[in-house]
Amino acid sequence: MNLPNLHTDPTLAMVEWRYQLIKPCPAVSTFGKLHENVIRTLVIPKDELITVVNGPLNGARLVDIEWDAKPYIMFTEHLRNCGRRLGIAT
């Protein structure tokens, strides 16, 4: 059985990595009341730290992140353009 390589598999390359935003970055909240049909968007400020929780991480799809101990989603391309990878979250 072949296991995916975290360093070469683009779908896993960002999972559990921490990023510092080098400019403000848009995100969408994923917490709130169940069955609430409201989408909350926000801009995470420059210099904030976020952690990638899940993918898919290829192309311009959405990626799950955590910021300020809350779940959000953002476009992978936005994360690549707004963030500087720091290292694996501990």
N, C-alpha and C. Protein backbone atom coordinates (compact mmCIF):
# COMPACT_ATOMS: atom_id res chain seq x y z
N MET A 1 0.84 -1.18 0.00
CA MET A 1 0.00 0.00 0.00
C MET A 1 0.88 1.24 0.00
N ASN A 2 0.61 2.16 -0.90
CA ASN A 2 1.36 3.41 -0.97
C ASN A 2 0.65 4.50 -0.20
N LEU A 3 1.34 5.11 0.72
CA LEU A 3 0.78 6.23 1.47
C LEU A 3 1.16 7.53 0.78
N PRO A 4 0.27 8.54 0.82
CA PRO A 4 0.60 9.81 0.18
C PRO A 4 1.75 10.50 0.89
N ASN A 5 2.56 11.18 0.12
CA ASN A 5 3.70 11.91 0.66
C ASN A 5 3.28 13.35 0.92
N LEU A 6 3.41 13.81 2.16
CA LEU A 6 3.00 15.16 2.53
C LEU A 6 3.76 16.23 1.77
N HIS A 7 4.94 15.93 1.30
CA HIS A 7 5.76 16.94 0.64
C HIS A 7 5.53 16.99 -0.87
N THR A 8 5.00 15.91 -1.46
CA THR A 8 4.81 15.90 -2.91
C THR A 8 3.35 15.82 -3.33
N ASP A 9 2.46 15.38 -2.48
CA ASP A 9 1.04 15.28 -2.81
C ASP A 9 0.39 16.65 -2.62
N PRO A 10 -0.05 17.32 -3.71
CA PRO A 10 -0.61 18.67 -3.58
C PRO A 10 -1.88 18.71 -2.76
N THR A 11 -2.58 17.58 -2.62
CA THR A 11 -3.81 17.59 -1.83
C THR A 11 -3.52 17.56 -0.34
N LEU A 12 -2.29 17.26 0.06
CA LEU A 12 -1.95 17.18 1.48
C LEU A 12 -0.86 18.16 1.89
N ALA A 13 -0.28 18.85 0.95
CA ALA A 13 0.90 19.67 1.22
C ALA A 13 0.66 20.79 2.23
N MET A 14 -0.57 21.24 2.43
CA MET A 14 -0.84 22.35 3.34
C MET A 14 -1.44 21.90 4.67
N VAL A 15 -1.93 20.68 4.76
CA VAL A 15 -2.63 20.22 5.96
C VAL A 15 -1.72 20.29 7.18
N GLU A 16 -2.25 20.87 8.26
CA GLU A 16 -1.58 21.05 9.54
C GLU A 16 -0.49 22.10 9.52
N TRP A 17 -0.32 22.80 8.41
CA TRP A 17 0.67 23.87 8.36
C TRP A 17 0.08 25.15 8.92
N ARG A 18 0.91 25.94 9.52
CA ARG A 18 0.54 27.24 10.05
C ARG A 18 1.01 28.31 9.08
N TYR A 19 0.18 29.31 8.89
CA TYR A 19 0.49 30.41 7.99
C TYR A 19 0.33 31.74 8.72
N GLN A 20 1.20 32.68 8.40
CA GLN A 20 1.03 34.05 8.86
C GLN A 20 0.59 34.85 7.65
N LEU A 21 -0.49 35.60 7.81
CA LEU A 21 -0.99 36.38 6.69
C LEU A 21 -0.11 37.59 6.47
N ILE A 22 0.33 37.78 5.23
CA ILE A 22 1.17 38.93 4.89
C ILE A 22 0.33 40.08 4.35
N LYS A 23 -0.95 39.82 4.16
CA LYS A 23 -1.93 40.86 3.81
C LYS A 23 -3.30 40.34 4.22
N PRO A 24 -4.29 41.21 4.37
CA PRO A 24 -5.63 40.75 4.75
C PRO A 24 -6.16 39.72 3.75
N CYS A 25 -6.93 38.76 4.26
CA CYS A 25 -7.38 37.65 3.42
C CYS A 25 -8.85 37.33 3.71
N PRO A 26 -9.68 37.19 2.67
CA PRO A 26 -11.10 36.88 2.88
C PRO A 26 -11.30 35.44 3.33
N ALA A 27 -12.34 35.24 4.15
CA ALA A 27 -12.70 33.91 4.64
C ALA A 27 -14.21 33.86 4.87
N VAL A 28 -14.72 32.66 5.08
CA VAL A 28 -16.14 32.44 5.35
C VAL A 28 -16.25 31.64 6.63
N SER A 29 -17.14 32.07 7.54
CA SER A 29 -17.30 31.34 8.80
C SER A 29 -18.06 30.04 8.55
N THR A 30 -17.74 29.01 9.33
CA THR A 30 -18.42 27.73 9.20
C THR A 30 -19.00 27.30 10.54
N PHE A 31 -19.18 28.23 11.43
CA PHE A 31 -19.79 27.91 12.71
C PHE A 31 -21.03 28.76 12.89
N GLY A 32 -21.90 28.34 13.74
CA GLY A 32 -23.15 29.06 13.96
C GLY A 32 -24.26 28.07 14.20
N LYS A 33 -25.48 28.53 14.16
CA LYS A 33 -26.64 27.67 14.40
C LYS A 33 -26.83 26.70 13.26
N LEU A 34 -27.22 25.49 13.60
CA LEU A 34 -27.52 24.48 12.60
C LEU A 34 -28.67 24.93 11.72
N HIS A 35 -28.60 24.66 10.46
CA HIS A 35 -29.63 24.96 9.48
C HIS A 35 -29.88 26.46 9.33
N GLU A 36 -28.95 27.27 9.76
CA GLU A 36 -29.06 28.70 9.57
C GLU A 36 -28.59 29.01 8.16
N ASN A 37 -29.43 29.61 7.37
CA ASN A 37 -29.11 29.88 5.96
C ASN A 37 -28.46 31.24 5.79
N VAL A 38 -27.45 31.50 6.59
CA VAL A 38 -26.74 32.77 6.53
C VAL A 38 -25.26 32.48 6.34
N ILE A 39 -24.67 33.14 5.37
CA ILE A 39 -23.23 33.01 5.15
C ILE A 39 -22.57 34.26 5.71
N ARG A 40 -21.58 34.06 6.55
CA ARG A 40 -20.87 35.19 7.12
C ARG A 40 -19.47 35.24 6.54
N THR A 41 -19.18 36.32 5.86
CA THR A 41 -17.85 36.50 5.31
C THR A 41 -17.11 37.53 6.15
N LEU A 42 -15.81 37.46 6.12
CA LEU A 42 -14.99 38.40 6.86
C LEU A 42 -13.63 38.48 6.20
N VAL A 43 -12.84 39.40 6.66
CA VAL A 43 -11.46 39.51 6.21
C VAL A 43 -10.59 39.31 7.43
N ILE A 44 -9.73 38.29 7.37
CA ILE A 44 -8.79 38.06 8.46
C ILE A 44 -7.64 39.05 8.28
N PRO A 45 -7.32 39.81 9.33
CA PRO A 45 -6.31 40.87 9.19
C PRO A 45 -4.90 40.35 8.92
N LYS A 46 -4.10 41.22 8.36
CA LYS A 46 -2.67 40.97 8.14
C LYS A 46 -2.01 40.60 9.48
N ASP A 47 -1.00 39.75 9.41
CA ASP A 47 -0.17 39.31 10.54
C ASP A 47 -0.84 38.27 11.44
N GLU A 48 -2.10 37.91 11.17
CA GLU A 48 -2.75 36.87 11.97
C GLU A 48 -2.21 35.50 11.59
N LEU A 49 -2.27 34.56 12.52
CA LEU A 49 -1.83 33.19 12.28
C LEU A 49 -3.05 32.30 12.07
N ILE A 50 -3.00 31.47 11.02
CA ILE A 50 -4.06 30.51 10.76
C ILE A 50 -3.44 29.13 10.58
N THR A 51 -4.25 28.10 10.80
CA THR A 51 -3.80 26.72 10.61
C THR A 51 -4.71 26.05 9.60
N VAL A 52 -4.13 25.35 8.64
CA VAL A 52 -4.90 24.60 7.66
C VAL A 52 -5.34 23.29 8.31
N VAL A 53 -6.64 23.01 8.23
CA VAL A 53 -7.20 21.83 8.87
C VAL A 53 -7.46 20.71 7.86
N ASN A 54 -7.94 21.08 6.66
CA ASN A 54 -8.30 20.06 5.68
C ASN A 54 -8.35 20.68 4.29
N GLY A 55 -8.40 19.83 3.27
CA GLY A 55 -8.41 20.28 1.90
C GLY A 55 -9.74 19.98 1.24
N PRO A 56 -9.83 19.90 -0.06
CA PRO A 56 -8.75 19.69 -1.01
C PRO A 56 -7.91 20.95 -1.21
N LEU A 57 -6.67 20.76 -1.54
CA LEU A 57 -5.73 21.88 -1.59
C LEU A 57 -5.16 22.12 -2.98
N ASN A 58 -5.84 21.59 -3.98
CA ASN A 58 -5.36 21.80 -5.34
C ASN A 58 -6.25 22.82 -6.04
N GLY A 59 -5.70 23.55 -6.94
CA GLY A 59 -6.47 24.50 -7.72
C GLY A 59 -7.00 25.66 -6.90
N ALA A 60 -8.21 26.10 -7.22
CA ALA A 60 -8.81 27.26 -6.57
C ALA A 60 -9.96 26.85 -5.66
N ARG A 61 -9.89 25.65 -5.10
CA ARG A 61 -10.96 25.16 -4.24
C ARG A 61 -10.86 25.74 -2.85
N LEU A 62 -11.86 25.41 -2.02
CA LEU A 62 -11.89 25.90 -0.65
C LEU A 62 -11.09 24.99 0.27
N VAL A 63 -10.46 25.57 1.25
CA VAL A 63 -9.67 24.85 2.23
C VAL A 63 -10.22 25.19 3.61
N ASP A 64 -10.26 24.21 4.51
CA ASP A 64 -10.69 24.43 5.89
C ASP A 64 -9.52 24.96 6.69
N ILE A 65 -9.78 26.04 7.45
CA ILE A 65 -8.74 26.62 8.29
C ILE A 65 -9.30 26.85 9.69
N GLU A 66 -8.39 27.13 10.61
CA GLU A 66 -8.78 27.55 11.95
C GLU A 66 -8.07 28.86 12.25
N TRP A 67 -8.83 29.81 12.75
CA TRP A 67 -8.29 31.10 13.15
C TRP A 67 -8.98 31.52 14.43
N ASP A 68 -8.23 31.95 15.39
CA ASP A 68 -8.80 32.39 16.66
C ASP A 68 -9.68 31.30 17.27
N ALA A 69 -9.22 30.05 17.16
CA ALA A 69 -9.89 28.86 17.71
C ALA A 69 -11.29 28.64 17.12
N LYS A 70 -11.53 29.13 15.90
CA LYS A 70 -12.82 28.95 15.23
C LYS A 70 -12.59 28.46 13.80
N PRO A 71 -13.53 27.65 13.28
CA PRO A 71 -13.37 27.13 11.92
C PRO A 71 -13.84 28.13 10.86
N TYR A 72 -13.10 28.17 9.76
CA TYR A 72 -13.43 29.01 8.61
C TYR A 72 -13.04 28.24 7.36
N ILE A 73 -13.47 28.76 6.22
CA ILE A 73 -12.98 28.26 4.95
C ILE A 73 -12.49 29.45 4.12
N MET A 74 -11.53 29.17 3.25
CA MET A 74 -11.06 30.20 2.33
C MET A 74 -10.57 29.51 1.06
N PHE A 75 -10.49 30.28 0.01
CA PHE A 75 -9.98 29.73 -1.23
C PHE A 75 -8.49 29.44 -1.08
N THR A 76 -8.09 28.29 -1.61
CA THR A 76 -6.68 27.90 -1.56
C THR A 76 -5.80 28.96 -2.20
N GLU A 77 -6.25 29.50 -3.31
CA GLU A 77 -5.47 30.52 -4.01
C GLU A 77 -5.29 31.77 -3.15
N HIS A 78 -6.33 32.15 -2.40
CA HIS A 78 -6.20 33.29 -1.49
C HIS A 78 -5.14 33.01 -0.43
N LEU A 79 -5.18 31.80 0.12
CA LEU A 79 -4.18 31.44 1.13
C LEU A 79 -2.77 31.51 0.56
N ARG A 80 -2.60 31.01 -0.64
CA ARG A 80 -1.27 31.05 -1.26
C ARG A 80 -0.80 32.49 -1.51
N ASN A 81 -1.74 33.37 -1.87
CA ASN A 81 -1.38 34.75 -2.17
C ASN A 81 -1.27 35.63 -0.93
N CYS A 82 -1.97 35.27 0.14
CA CYS A 82 -2.01 36.12 1.34
C CYS A 82 -1.15 35.61 2.49
N GLY A 83 -0.71 34.35 2.40
CA GLY A 83 -0.05 33.75 3.55
C GLY A 83 1.39 33.35 3.31
N ARG A 84 2.12 33.32 4.41
CA ARG A 84 3.51 32.86 4.41
C ARG A 84 3.56 31.63 5.31
N ARG A 85 3.97 30.50 4.78
CA ARG A 85 3.98 29.26 5.53
C ARG A 85 5.08 29.30 6.58
N LEU A 86 4.70 28.97 7.82
CA LEU A 86 5.65 29.01 8.93
C LEU A 86 6.17 27.64 9.33
N GLY A 87 5.30 26.66 9.37
CA GLY A 87 5.70 25.32 9.79
C GLY A 87 4.49 24.54 10.25
N ILE A 88 4.71 23.30 10.65
CA ILE A 88 3.64 22.43 11.13
C ILE A 88 3.13 22.96 12.47
N ALA A 89 1.80 23.00 12.61
CA ALA A 89 1.18 23.44 13.86
C ALA A 89 1.41 22.39 14.93
N THR A 90 1.62 22.84 16.13
CA THR A 90 1.84 21.90 17.24
C THR A 90 0.74 21.98 18.24
